[in-house]
Protein backbone atom coordinates (compact mmCIF):
# COMPACT_ATOMS: atom_id res chain seq x y z
CA MET A 1 -17.49 -94.27 -2.51
CA ARG A 2 -17.87 -91.86 0.22
CA TYR A 3 -20.78 -89.22 1.07
CA LEU A 4 -21.85 -87.13 3.47
CA MET A 5 -25.49 -86.34 3.20
CA ARG A 6 -26.94 -82.84 4.96
CA GLN A 7 -30.20 -82.08 5.02
CA LYS A 8 -31.14 -78.25 4.58
CA LEU A 9 -32.74 -76.99 7.58
CA PHE A 10 -34.50 -74.21 6.33
CA SER A 11 -36.02 -74.92 3.14
CA PHE A 12 -39.92 -75.42 1.37
CA GLY A 13 -39.63 -79.47 1.01
CA ASP A 14 -37.56 -81.95 1.78
CA ASP A 15 -33.73 -81.17 0.64
CA PHE A 16 -30.79 -82.29 0.62
CA THR A 17 -26.74 -82.15 -0.49
CA ILE A 18 -24.14 -84.79 -0.80
CA GLN A 19 -20.75 -83.99 -0.87
CA ASP A 20 -17.97 -85.94 -1.95
CA GLY A 21 -15.45 -87.71 0.30
CA SER A 22 -13.45 -84.72 -0.26
CA GLY A 23 -16.42 -82.39 1.03
CA ARG A 24 -17.10 -81.09 -2.70
CA ASP A 25 -20.66 -80.55 -3.11
CA VAL A 26 -21.63 -83.20 -6.07
CA PHE A 27 -25.51 -84.06 -5.75
CA PHE A 28 -28.94 -81.67 -4.65
CA VAL A 29 -31.61 -83.05 -3.78
CA ASP A 30 -34.68 -80.68 -4.27
CA GLY A 31 -37.91 -81.92 -2.36
CA LYS A 32 -40.83 -79.99 -4.14
CA ALA A 33 -42.80 -78.39 -1.58
CA LEU A 34 -46.71 -77.81 -2.14
CA SER A 35 -47.08 -81.23 -3.81
CA ILE A 36 -49.86 -84.20 -3.63
CA GLY A 37 -47.55 -86.98 -2.01
CA ASN A 38 -43.71 -86.42 -1.49
CA LYS A 39 -41.76 -85.65 -4.58
CA LEU A 40 -38.14 -85.01 -5.02
CA SER A 41 -35.95 -84.57 -7.83
CA PHE A 42 -32.27 -85.62 -7.83
CA GLN A 43 -29.58 -83.68 -9.51
CA ASP A 44 -26.02 -83.32 -10.45
CA MET A 45 -24.62 -79.72 -9.06
CA ALA A 46 -25.32 -78.36 -13.10
CA GLY A 47 -29.04 -79.37 -12.27
CA LYS A 48 -29.53 -82.25 -14.46
CA GLU A 49 -31.98 -84.25 -13.15
CA LEU A 50 -30.22 -88.09 -12.74
CA ALA A 51 -33.60 -89.61 -10.57
CA PHE A 52 -36.85 -88.70 -10.00
CA ILE A 53 -38.41 -89.72 -6.59
CA ARG A 54 -42.14 -89.67 -6.32
CA GLN A 55 -44.58 -91.30 -3.34
CA LYS A 56 -47.15 -94.18 -4.01
CA LEU A 57 -50.05 -92.78 -2.68
CA LEU A 58 -52.59 -96.11 -2.87
CA SER A 59 -50.30 -98.38 -1.54
CA PHE A 60 -50.21 -100.78 1.69
CA GLY A 61 -47.35 -98.82 3.46
CA PRO A 62 -44.97 -95.98 2.83
CA THR A 63 -44.23 -97.17 -0.52
CA TYR A 64 -41.95 -94.76 -2.79
CA VAL A 65 -41.02 -95.81 -6.79
CA ILE A 66 -37.76 -93.37 -7.82
CA GLU A 67 -37.07 -93.26 -11.69
CA TYR A 68 -33.74 -93.36 -13.17
CA PRO A 69 -31.43 -93.87 -16.40
CA GLY A 70 -31.41 -97.57 -15.01
CA GLY A 71 -34.69 -98.16 -14.45
CA GLU A 72 -37.02 -98.19 -11.82
CA ALA A 73 -36.86 -98.78 -8.85
CA VAL A 74 -39.69 -99.71 -5.60
CA VAL A 75 -38.65 -99.05 -2.34
CA LYS A 76 -41.06 -100.14 0.70
CA LYS A 77 -40.84 -100.05 3.99
CA HIS A 78 -41.56 -103.54 5.70
CA LEU A 79 -44.46 -103.39 8.17
CA PHE A 80 -44.61 -106.69 9.99
CA THR A 81 -40.82 -106.73 11.58
CA PHE A 82 -40.45 -107.11 15.51
CA LEU A 83 -38.16 -104.84 17.23
CA HIS A 84 -36.60 -103.21 14.20
CA CYS A 85 -36.89 -101.45 10.53
CA ALA A 86 -36.31 -102.89 7.22
CA PHE A 87 -36.94 -101.87 3.68
CA SER A 88 -36.43 -103.62 0.43
CA ILE A 89 -35.53 -102.09 -2.98
CA ASP A 90 -36.81 -103.72 -5.86
CA ALA A 91 -34.54 -102.61 -8.47
CA PRO A 92 -35.32 -104.93 -11.99
CA GLY A 93 -32.27 -105.21 -14.21
CA THR A 94 -29.94 -104.61 -11.83
CA ALA A 95 -27.69 -107.99 -9.81
CA GLY A 96 -30.43 -108.93 -7.05
CA ASP A 97 -32.61 -106.41 -4.69
CA LEU A 98 -31.45 -104.42 -1.95
CA GLU A 99 -32.79 -104.74 1.80
CA ALA A 100 -31.71 -101.48 3.89
CA LYS A 101 -32.01 -103.21 7.67
CA GLY A 102 -30.53 -101.81 10.93
CA ASN A 103 -31.80 -99.30 13.34
CA LEU A 104 -32.84 -96.55 10.49
CA THR A 105 -34.27 -94.17 13.06
CA ASP A 106 -30.61 -93.05 14.50
CA HIS A 107 -29.23 -94.09 10.47
CA GLU A 108 -26.99 -97.09 11.73
CA TYR A 109 -28.05 -99.21 8.89
CA ALA A 110 -26.19 -101.36 5.83
CA PHE A 111 -27.98 -102.07 2.68
CA GLU A 112 -27.38 -106.06 1.60
CA ARG A 113 -27.92 -107.41 -1.49
CA GLY A 114 -28.10 -111.50 -1.27
CA GLY A 115 -26.41 -111.24 1.85
CA ARG A 116 -23.15 -109.33 1.08
CA GLU A 117 -23.11 -105.01 2.83
CA VAL A 118 -22.75 -103.36 -0.25
CA ALA A 119 -23.19 -99.31 1.92
CA ARG A 120 -23.61 -98.50 5.18
CA VAL A 121 -25.04 -95.80 6.02
CA SER A 122 -23.69 -93.75 9.48
CA LYS A 123 -24.33 -90.66 12.08
CA GLN A 124 -21.73 -91.71 14.41
CA TRP A 125 -18.79 -89.41 13.38
CA PHE A 126 -21.26 -86.54 13.06
CA THR A 127 -22.90 -84.15 15.66
CA LEU A 128 -24.40 -81.76 13.87
CA ARG A 129 -28.77 -82.58 12.91
CA ASP A 130 -29.31 -84.49 10.16
CA THR A 131 -26.10 -85.39 8.65
CA TYR A 132 -24.53 -88.51 7.83
CA GLY A 133 -22.28 -90.52 6.20
CA VAL A 134 -23.01 -93.37 3.35
CA ASP A 135 -19.94 -95.04 1.78
CA ILE A 136 -21.11 -97.60 -0.99
CA ALA A 137 -19.00 -99.91 -2.30
CA ASP A 138 -17.09 -99.62 -5.64
CA GLY A 139 -19.45 -101.30 -8.80
CA GLU A 140 -22.71 -100.13 -6.68
CA ASP A 141 -25.33 -97.39 -7.97
CA ASP A 142 -24.17 -94.80 -6.10
CA VAL A 143 -27.23 -92.28 -7.49
CA LEU A 144 -29.78 -95.65 -6.66
CA ILE A 145 -28.51 -96.33 -2.94
CA LEU A 146 -28.41 -92.13 -2.12
CA ALA A 147 -31.50 -92.17 -3.81
CA SER A 148 -33.25 -94.63 -1.52
CA THR A 149 -31.18 -93.54 1.88
CA VAL A 150 -33.24 -90.07 1.02
CA VAL A 151 -36.74 -92.23 0.69
CA ILE A 152 -35.55 -93.92 4.30
CA ASP A 153 -34.72 -90.66 6.19
CA MET A 154 -38.17 -89.43 4.87
CA CYS A 155 -40.15 -92.18 5.76
CA CYS A 156 -38.28 -92.85 9.44
CA HIS A 157 -38.35 -88.44 9.65
CA GLY A 158 -40.64 -87.41 8.47
CA ASP A 159 -42.53 -85.96 11.11
CA GLN A 160 -39.73 -84.49 13.00
CA LYS A 161 -38.90 -82.39 9.99
CA ASN A 162 -42.65 -80.76 9.88
CA ASN A 163 -42.52 -80.24 13.57
CA ARG A 164 -39.30 -78.27 12.98
CA SER A 165 -39.20 -74.16 13.77
């Protein structure tokens, strides 16, 4: 399935709208402004919470927890990588952990499970700032991958967003 993620520029907190391949809004991510640590609610368009994302404050390096119906996943940025950025997504109860690798600062990366690509994030086809496509293979957990993409965006671009006026 193909999705288009767009961050809302004029909002309090990190808010995202996610559209499906036909341009229909399907998900909304509501960043909780004025909270200690980042907290976001991943919702369908009716406002039903499908996942809750929270930053782990006392951890070594950027770490987030995604609570969703399939369980709880931990997204952690690798600290000691040479010339690239990488994240691991530990999701017990799934077919295996995910790794996000590539040029994460430019929104050009892939999610892999066991060396097999299961999703690709690309800003290549979009000229608008903070708009990018996410292609997810059939049979994958779209909410988990999209929520992980939001976490990676916050980790790799959080300072840039906070400096916008």
